[in-house]
C-alpha atoms as a PDB file:
ATOM      1  CA  UNK A   1     155.281 165.570  98.705  1.00  0.00           C
ATOM      2  CA  UNK A   2     155.235 162.083  97.267  1.00  0.00           C
ATOM      3  CA  UNK A   3     158.591 161.398  98.929  1.00  0.00           C
ATOM      4  CA  UNK A   4     157.156 162.203 102.360  1.00  0.00           C
ATOM      5  CA  UNK A   5     155.227 159.837 104.602  1.00  0.00           C
ATOM      6  CA  UNK A   6     153.150 161.548 107.272  1.00  0.00           C
ATOM      7  CA  UNK A   7     153.680 160.271 110.806  1.00  0.00           C
ATOM      8  CA  UNK A   8     150.469 160.668 112.771  1.00  0.00           C
ATOM      9  CA  UNK A   9     151.186 158.215 115.595  1.00  0.00           C
ATOM     10  CA  UNK A  10     154.431 157.246 117.249  1.00  0.00           C
ATOM     11  CA  UNK A  11     155.584 155.436 120.371  1.00  0.00           C
ATOM     12  CA  UNK A  12     156.316 158.562 122.418  1.00  0.00           C
ATOM     13  CA  UNK A  13     153.379 160.624 121.078  1.00  0.00           C
ATOM     14  CA  UNK A  14     155.818 163.152 119.584  1.00  0.00           C
ATOM     15  CA  UNK A  15     153.447 164.029 116.720  1.00  0.00           C
ATOM     16  CA  UNK A  16     150.714 164.780 119.234  1.00  0.00           C
ATOM     17  CA  UNK A  17     153.028 166.673 121.609  1.00  0.00           C
ATOM     18  CA  UNK A  18     154.334 168.866 118.766  1.00  0.00           C
ATOM     19  CA  UNK A  19     150.738 170.027 118.252  1.00  0.00           C
ATOM     20  CA  UNK A  20     150.904 171.485 121.788  1.00  0.00           C
ATOM     21  CA  UNK A  21     153.790 173.676 120.610  1.00  0.00           C
ATOM     22  CA  UNK A  22     152.181 174.624 117.292  1.00  0.00           C
ATOM     23  CA  UNK A  23     148.863 173.254 116.043  1.00  0.00           C
ATOM     24  CA  UNK A  24     150.066 173.468 112.443  1.00  0.00           C
ATOM     25  CA  UNK A  25     153.067 171.135 112.972  1.00  0.00           C
ATOM     26  CA  UNK A  26     153.106 167.825 111.127  1.00  0.00           C
ATOM     27  CA  UNK A  27     155.823 165.166 111.093  1.00  0.00           C
ATOM     28  CA  UNK A  28     156.887 163.455 107.906  1.00  0.00           C
ATOM     29  CA  UNK A  29     159.526 160.880 107.091  1.00  0.00           C
ATOM     30  CA  UNK A  30     161.498 161.944 104.021  1.00  0.00           C
ATOM     31  CA  UNK A  31     162.221 158.821 101.958  1.00  0.00           C
ATOM     32  CA  UNK A  32     165.011 160.489  99.974  1.00  0.00           C
ATOM     33  CA  UNK A  33     166.877 162.121 102.873  1.00  0.00           C
ATOM     34  CA  UNK A  34     166.006 159.243 105.230  1.00  0.00           C
ATOM     35  CA  UNK A  35     165.105 161.540 108.103  1.00  0.00           C
ATOM     36  CA  UNK A  36     162.132 162.979 109.941  1.00  0.00           C
ATOM     37  CA  UNK A  37     160.993 166.482 109.078  1.00  0.00           C
ATOM     38  CA  UNK A  38     158.594 168.870 110.748  1.00  0.00           C
ATOM     39  CA  UNK A  39     156.327 170.884 108.467  1.00  0.00           C
ATOM     40  CA  UNK A  40     153.689 173.529 109.125  1.00  0.00           C
ATOM     41  CA  UNK A  41     150.443 173.307 107.194  1.00  0.00           C
ATOM     42  CA  UNK A  42     149.982 177.073 107.676  1.00  0.00           C
ATOM     43  CA  UNK A  43     153.095 178.053 105.700  1.00  0.00           C
ATOM     44  CA  UNK A  44     153.381 178.270 101.904  1.00  0.00           C
ATOM     45  CA  UNK A  45     156.725 176.459 102.084  1.00  0.00           C
ATOM     46  CA  UNK A  46     155.679 174.000 104.762  1.00  0.00           C
ATOM     47  CA  UNK A  47     159.196 172.826 105.731  1.00  0.00           C
ATOM     48  CA  UNK A  48     160.223 173.938 109.240  1.00  0.00           C
ATOM     49  CA  UNK A  49     163.184 171.736 110.166  1.00  0.00           C
ATOM     50  CA  UNK A  50     164.753 168.320 109.846  1.00  0.00           C
ATOM     51  CA  UNK A  51     164.802 166.385 113.092  1.00  0.00           C
ATOM     52  CA  UNK A  52     168.538 166.062 113.874  1.00  0.00           C
ATOM     53  CA  UNK A  53     168.078 162.681 115.519  1.00  0.00           C
ATOM     54  CA  UNK A  54     167.568 159.190 114.138  1.00  0.00           C
ATOM     55  CA  UNK A  55     164.439 158.613 116.220  1.00  0.00           C
ATOM     56  CA  UNK A  56     161.472 160.662 117.372  1.00  0.00           C
ATOM     57  CA  UNK A  57     161.819 161.197 121.111  1.00  0.00           C
ATOM     58  CA  UNK A  58     161.909 163.925 123.787  1.00  0.00           C
ATOM     59  CA  UNK A  59     164.871 165.579 122.060  1.00  0.00           C
ATOM     60  CA  UNK A  60     162.590 166.371 119.113  1.00  0.00           C
ATOM     61  CA  UNK A  61     160.263 168.330 121.403  1.00  0.00           C
ATOM     62  CA  UNK A  62     163.203 170.199 122.966  1.00  0.00           C
ATOM     63  CA  UNK A  63     164.599 170.982 119.499  1.00  0.00           C
ATOM     64  CA  UNK A  64     161.219 172.262 118.289  1.00  0.00           C
ATOM     65  CA  UNK A  65     160.950 174.558 121.309  1.00  0.00           C
ATOM     66  CA  UNK A  66     164.501 175.826 120.929  1.00  0.00           C
ATOM     67  CA  UNK A  67     164.170 176.600 117.227  1.00  0.00           C
ATOM     68  CA  UNK A  68     160.863 178.458 117.447  1.00  0.00           C
ATOM     69  CA  UNK A  69     160.740 181.809 115.671  1.00  0.00           C
ATOM     70  CA  UNK A  70     160.260 183.523 119.031  1.00  0.00           C
ATOM     71  CA  UNK A  71     163.735 182.312 120.083  1.00  0.00           C
ATOM     72  CA  UNK A  72     165.504 183.655 116.979  1.00  0.00           C
ATOM     73  CA  UNK A  73     167.334 186.496 118.759  1.00  0.00           C
ATOM     74  CA  UNK A  74     168.537 184.190 121.524  1.00  0.00           C
ATOM     75  CA  UNK A  75     169.815 181.644 118.988  1.00  0.00           C
ATOM     76  CA  UNK A  76     171.629 184.345 117.021  1.00  0.00           C
ATOM     77  CA  UNK A  77     173.321 185.558 120.231  1.00  0.00           C
ATOM     78  CA  UNK A  78     174.382 181.975 121.035  1.00  0.00           C
ATOM     79  CA  UNK A  79     175.864 181.582 117.557  1.00  0.00           C
ATOM     80  CA  UNK A  80     177.694 184.910 117.776  1.00  0.00           C
ATOM     81  CA  UNK A  81     179.078 184.040 121.223  1.00  0.00           C
ATOM     82  CA  UNK A  82     180.252 180.655 119.989  1.00  0.00           C
ATOM     83  CA  UNK A  83     181.859 182.213 116.897  1.00  0.00           C
ATOM     84  CA  UNK A  84     183.711 184.717 119.092  1.00  0.00           C
ATOM     85  CA  UNK A  85     184.995 181.936 121.367  1.00  0.00           C
ATOM     86  CA  UNK A  86     186.187 179.912 118.363  1.00  0.00           C
ATOM     87  CA  UNK A  87     187.884 183.003 116.883  1.00  0.00           C
ATOM     88  CA  UNK A  88     189.657 183.788 120.166  1.00  0.00           C
ATOM     89  CA  UNK A  89     190.805 180.178 120.508  1.00  0.00           C
ATOM     90  CA  UNK A  90     192.212 180.231 116.979  1.00  0.00           C
ATOM     91  CA  UNK A  91     194.069 183.502 117.630  1.00  0.00           C
ATOM     92  CA  UNK A  92     195.612 182.057 120.806  1.00  0.00           C
ATOM     93  CA  UNK A  93     196.668 178.914 118.941  1.00  0.00           C
ATOM     94  CA  UNK A  94     198.241 180.961 116.127  1.00  0.00           C
ATOM     95  CA  UNK A  95     200.133 183.147 118.594  1.00  0.00           C
ATOM     96  CA  UNK A  96     201.372 180.020 120.377  1.00  0.00           C
ATOM     97  CA  UNK A  97     202.538 178.484 117.076  1.00  0.00           C
ATOM     98  CA  UNK A  98     204.340 181.694 116.093  1.00  0.00           C
ATOM     99  CA  UNK A  99     206.108 181.872 119.476  1.00  0.00           C
ATOM    100  CA  UNK A 100     207.164 178.242 119.165  1.00  0.00           C
ATOM    101  CA  UNK A 101     208.464 178.863 115.634  1.00  0.00           C
ATOM    102  CA  UNK A 102     210.455 181.898 116.767  1.00  0.00           C
ATOM    103  CA  UNK A 103     212.048 180.138 119.726  1.00  0.00           C
ATOM    104  CA  UNK A 104     212.889 177.014 117.730  1.00  0.00           C
ATOM    105  CA  UNK A 105     214.781 178.976 115.056  1.00  0.00           C
END
């Protein structure tokens, strides 16, 4: 963990507010990946997630809440729904392209 710098204090008190979600959460800045990461001191592999934003702000709290283990089933359903919508869109586009190719010939 020599490439990680622990963030104990920040402007928006994100490190402190994450403790309200899970007391084991800690924020680190990864010097190699150049991003913030949330780790749990109660896990063998402490890594939980990379903060998908350049700065620590309210979005980090919302992301931590959304990605909690308790929300796993909901997230999986969202992914499956999105995949189905993408698949259906692709099918419609392919059908449209085939129709256009047939009528052009």
